[in-house]
Protein backbone atom coordinates (compact mmCIF):
# COMPACT_ATOMS: atom_id res chain seq x y z
CA MET A 1 81.92 77.13 122.72
CA PHE A 2 85.46 78.19 123.11
CA GLN A 3 86.66 76.09 120.16
CA LEU A 4 84.03 77.66 117.91
CA ASN A 5 84.93 81.28 118.81
CA HIS A 6 88.60 80.36 118.32
CA ALA A 7 87.80 78.88 114.83
CA LEU A 8 85.68 81.91 113.88
CA LEU A 9 88.57 84.23 114.89
CA GLU A 10 90.98 82.34 112.73
CA VAL A 11 88.56 82.30 109.69
CA SER A 12 87.93 86.04 109.95
CA ALA A 13 91.74 86.64 110.36
CA ARG A 14 92.67 84.42 107.39
CA LYS A 15 90.07 86.35 105.21
CA THR A 16 91.62 89.62 106.10
CA LEU A 17 95.17 88.57 105.71
CA ASN A 18 94.56 86.78 102.35
CA ARG A 19 93.00 90.05 100.98
CA LEU A 20 96.08 91.87 102.32
CA ASP A 21 98.35 89.43 100.75
CA ARG A 22 96.80 89.91 97.36
CA SER A 23 97.03 93.71 97.51
CA HIS A 24 100.39 94.06 99.43
CA GLY A 25 102.17 90.77 100.21
CA VAL A 26 102.61 89.23 96.76
CA PRO A 27 103.21 92.45 94.84
CA ALA A 28 105.83 93.60 97.51
CA TYR A 29 107.57 90.19 97.37
CA LEU A 30 107.79 90.17 93.62
CA ALA A 31 109.18 93.81 93.62
CA SER A 32 111.79 92.80 96.33
CA ARG A 33 113.32 90.27 93.98
CA GLU A 34 114.27 93.18 91.66
CA PHE A 35 115.18 95.71 94.38
CA PRO A 36 117.60 94.45 97.06
CA SER A 37 117.07 97.48 99.22
CA LEU A 38 113.29 96.68 99.24
CA SER A 39 114.04 93.16 100.28
CA ALA A 40 116.07 94.54 103.22
CA GLU A 41 113.37 96.96 104.23
CA LEU A 42 110.74 94.19 104.07
CA ASP A 43 112.97 91.97 106.24
CA GLN A 44 113.11 94.75 108.89
CA HIS A 45 109.30 95.35 108.80
CA SER A 46 108.73 91.58 109.04
CA ALA A 47 110.90 91.27 112.02
CA ALA A 48 109.33 94.21 113.74
CA VAL A 49 105.83 92.72 113.16
CA ARG A 50 107.01 89.37 114.41
CA ASP A 51 108.17 90.90 117.66
CA ILE A 52 104.87 92.66 118.10
CA VAL A 53 102.85 89.55 117.51
CA GLU A 54 105.02 87.50 119.90
CA ALA A 55 104.69 90.19 122.66
CA ALA A 56 101.03 90.36 122.14
CA ALA A 57 100.63 86.51 122.13
CA ALA A 58 102.36 86.42 125.46
CA GLN A 59 99.86 88.86 126.87
CA ALA A 60 96.81 87.07 125.32
CA ALA A 61 97.59 83.35 125.42
CA THR A 62 94.19 82.32 124.16
CA THR A 63 94.06 84.62 121.13
CA PRO A 64 95.27 82.92 117.91
CA PRO A 65 98.40 84.54 116.44
CA LEU A 66 96.60 85.01 113.05
CA ALA A 67 93.91 87.05 114.92
CA ILE A 68 96.49 89.23 116.56
CA LEU A 69 98.17 89.71 113.22
CA ALA A 70 94.98 90.60 111.34
CA GLY A 71 94.02 92.92 114.34
CA TYR A 72 97.34 94.68 113.95
CA ALA A 73 96.91 95.12 110.31
CA ARG A 74 93.32 96.47 110.82
CA GLY A 75 94.62 98.82 113.51
CA LEU A 76 97.27 100.15 111.09
CA LEU A 77 94.67 100.87 108.43
CA ASP A 78 92.31 102.43 110.86
CA GLU A 79 94.97 104.69 112.35
CA ALA A 80 96.03 105.81 108.98
CA GLY A 81 92.24 106.59 108.07
CA ARG A 82 92.44 104.62 104.93
CA PRO A 83 90.68 101.25 105.37
CA GLY A 84 90.94 100.65 101.55
CA LEU A 85 94.57 101.70 101.22
CA ILE A 86 95.71 101.35 97.66
CA SER A 87 98.98 99.50 97.20
CA PRO A 88 101.71 100.60 94.76
CA GLN A 89 100.91 99.65 91.24
CA SER A 90 104.35 98.70 89.81
CA ARG A 91 107.39 97.01 91.11
CA ALA A 92 109.29 100.29 90.82
CA ASP A 93 106.57 102.05 92.91
CA TRP A 94 107.13 99.41 95.54
CA ALA A 95 110.81 100.52 95.70
CA ARG A 96 109.51 103.90 96.86
CA ALA A 97 106.69 102.65 99.07
CA GLY A 98 105.93 104.34 102.20
CA TRP A 99 106.23 102.99 105.80
CA LEU A 100 102.57 101.94 106.02
CA GLN A 101 102.67 99.90 102.82
CA LEU A 102 105.91 98.27 103.77
CA ARG A 103 104.59 97.40 107.30
CA LEU A 104 101.53 95.83 105.67
CA ALA A 105 103.56 93.79 103.37
CA GLY A 106 105.71 92.73 106.45
CA VAL A 107 102.36 91.54 108.08
CA CYS A 108 101.91 89.39 104.97
CA GLN A 109 105.30 87.86 105.23
CA VAL A 110 104.68 87.04 108.93
CA ALA A 111 101.35 85.53 108.06
CA ALA A 112 102.94 83.37 105.53
CA GLY A 113 105.06 81.84 108.25
CA LEU A 114 102.07 80.97 110.52
């Protein structure tokens, strides 16, 4: 039973993170190739997200890291009150993106490494 629950958590998390990657991860990455300052900001957000996931994983040893990461992203969206947050539309818009959009892109970068 535990294995099934664990697998379902990972499938659900992957679905959430894949959707987020399409809306935030890939566009932010492409924009960061044109804007070095954006690349630096994304690196900082990714490092912060990685630290959060590592701390949470130490507390919840049986929860898959992907589930922790997806839960963190959902929490960010819920707290902002915008579950369908629209990402910046152009690469130049990404260079002016706000904290939440950059943090969500950072989540995607961390997810790519898991």
